[in-house]
């Protein structure tokens, strides 16, 4: 159950990061600040999202 919840949270983060990056043209650093995430975590979410949706 916890693995499914973690996967859902990761997917939600990926979606948020991709939307902020593509629609609002925000750099990763600003996205990380707005979401309260680490820059590396934000960049990794962006990379995973790009692989999924590309």
C-alpha atoms as a PDB file:
ATOM      1  CA  UNK A   1       0.000   0.000   0.000  1.00  0.00           C
ATOM      2  CA  UNK A   2       2.781   2.448   0.905  1.00  0.00           C
ATOM      3  CA  UNK A   3       4.546   1.766  -2.379  1.00  0.00           C
ATOM      4  CA  UNK A   4       1.382   2.681  -4.311  1.00  0.00           C
ATOM      5  CA  UNK A   5       0.989   5.902  -2.322  1.00  0.00           C
ATOM      6  CA  UNK A   6       4.634   6.835  -2.951  1.00  0.00           C
ATOM      7  CA  UNK A   7       4.221   6.141  -6.662  1.00  0.00           C
ATOM      8  CA  UNK A   8       1.118   8.342  -6.745  1.00  0.00           C
ATOM      9  CA  UNK A   9       2.961  11.173  -5.005  1.00  0.00           C
ATOM     10  CA  UNK A  10       5.872  10.868  -7.441  1.00  0.00           C
ATOM     11  CA  UNK A  11       3.490  10.963 -10.416  1.00  0.00           C
ATOM     12  CA  UNK A  12       1.758  14.031  -9.005  1.00  0.00           C
ATOM     13  CA  UNK A  13       5.119  15.775  -8.550  1.00  0.00           C
ATOM     14  CA  UNK A  14       6.164  14.921 -12.082  1.00  0.00           C
ATOM     15  CA  UNK A  15       2.903  16.314 -13.406  1.00  0.00           C
ATOM     16  CA  UNK A  16       3.210  19.533 -11.377  1.00  0.00           C
ATOM     17  CA  UNK A  17       6.822  20.089 -12.410  1.00  0.00           C
ATOM     18  CA  UNK A  18       6.095  19.476 -16.098  1.00  0.00           C
ATOM     19  CA  UNK A  19       3.118  21.838 -16.067  1.00  0.00           C
ATOM     20  CA  UNK A  20       5.043  24.599 -14.319  1.00  0.00           C
ATOM     21  CA  UNK A  21       7.981  24.174 -16.666  1.00  0.00           C
ATOM     22  CA  UNK A  22       6.038  24.023 -19.931  1.00  0.00           C
ATOM     23  CA  UNK A  23       3.032  26.272 -19.277  1.00  0.00           C
ATOM     24  CA  UNK A  24       4.555  28.866 -16.980  1.00  0.00           C
ATOM     25  CA  UNK A  25       8.096  28.636 -18.437  1.00  0.00           C
ATOM     26  CA  UNK A  26       9.627  28.404 -14.972  1.00  0.00           C
ATOM     27  CA  UNK A  27      13.189  27.192 -14.471  1.00  0.00           C
ATOM     28  CA  UNK A  28      13.759  24.178 -12.220  1.00  0.00           C
ATOM     29  CA  UNK A  29      15.157  26.330  -9.411  1.00  0.00           C
ATOM     30  CA  UNK A  30      11.977  28.432  -9.206  1.00  0.00           C
ATOM     31  CA  UNK A  31       9.763  25.361  -9.382  1.00  0.00           C
ATOM     32  CA  UNK A  32      11.681  23.795  -6.497  1.00  0.00           C
ATOM     33  CA  UNK A  33      11.289  26.942  -4.420  1.00  0.00           C
ATOM     34  CA  UNK A  34       7.555  27.228  -5.112  1.00  0.00           C
ATOM     35  CA  UNK A  35       6.861  23.564  -4.355  1.00  0.00           C
ATOM     36  CA  UNK A  36       9.212  23.462  -1.358  1.00  0.00           C
ATOM     37  CA  UNK A  37      11.322  20.728  -2.912  1.00  0.00           C
ATOM     38  CA  UNK A  38      15.047  20.176  -3.288  1.00  0.00           C
ATOM     39  CA  UNK A  39      16.446  21.249  -6.688  1.00  0.00           C
ATOM     40  CA  UNK A  40      17.801  17.757  -7.428  1.00  0.00           C
ATOM     41  CA  UNK A  41      14.467  16.148  -6.522  1.00  0.00           C
ATOM     42  CA  UNK A  42      12.676  18.616  -8.777  1.00  0.00           C
ATOM     43  CA  UNK A  43      15.070  17.966 -11.655  1.00  0.00           C
ATOM     44  CA  UNK A  44      14.688  14.202 -11.215  1.00  0.00           C
ATOM     45  CA  UNK A  45      10.883  14.559 -11.265  1.00  0.00           C
ATOM     46  CA  UNK A  46      11.187  16.584 -14.470  1.00  0.00           C
ATOM     47  CA  UNK A  47      13.387  13.911 -16.084  1.00  0.00           C
ATOM     48  CA  UNK A  48      11.027  11.081 -15.085  1.00  0.00           C
ATOM     49  CA  UNK A  49       8.035  13.033 -16.340  1.00  0.00           C
ATOM     50  CA  UNK A  50       9.704  13.780 -19.662  1.00  0.00           C
ATOM     51  CA  UNK A  51      10.500  10.088 -20.142  1.00  0.00           C
ATOM     52  CA  UNK A  52       6.915   9.074 -19.339  1.00  0.00           C
ATOM     53  CA  UNK A  53       5.121  11.636 -21.457  1.00  0.00           C
ATOM     54  CA  UNK A  54       7.567  12.121 -24.330  1.00  0.00           C
END
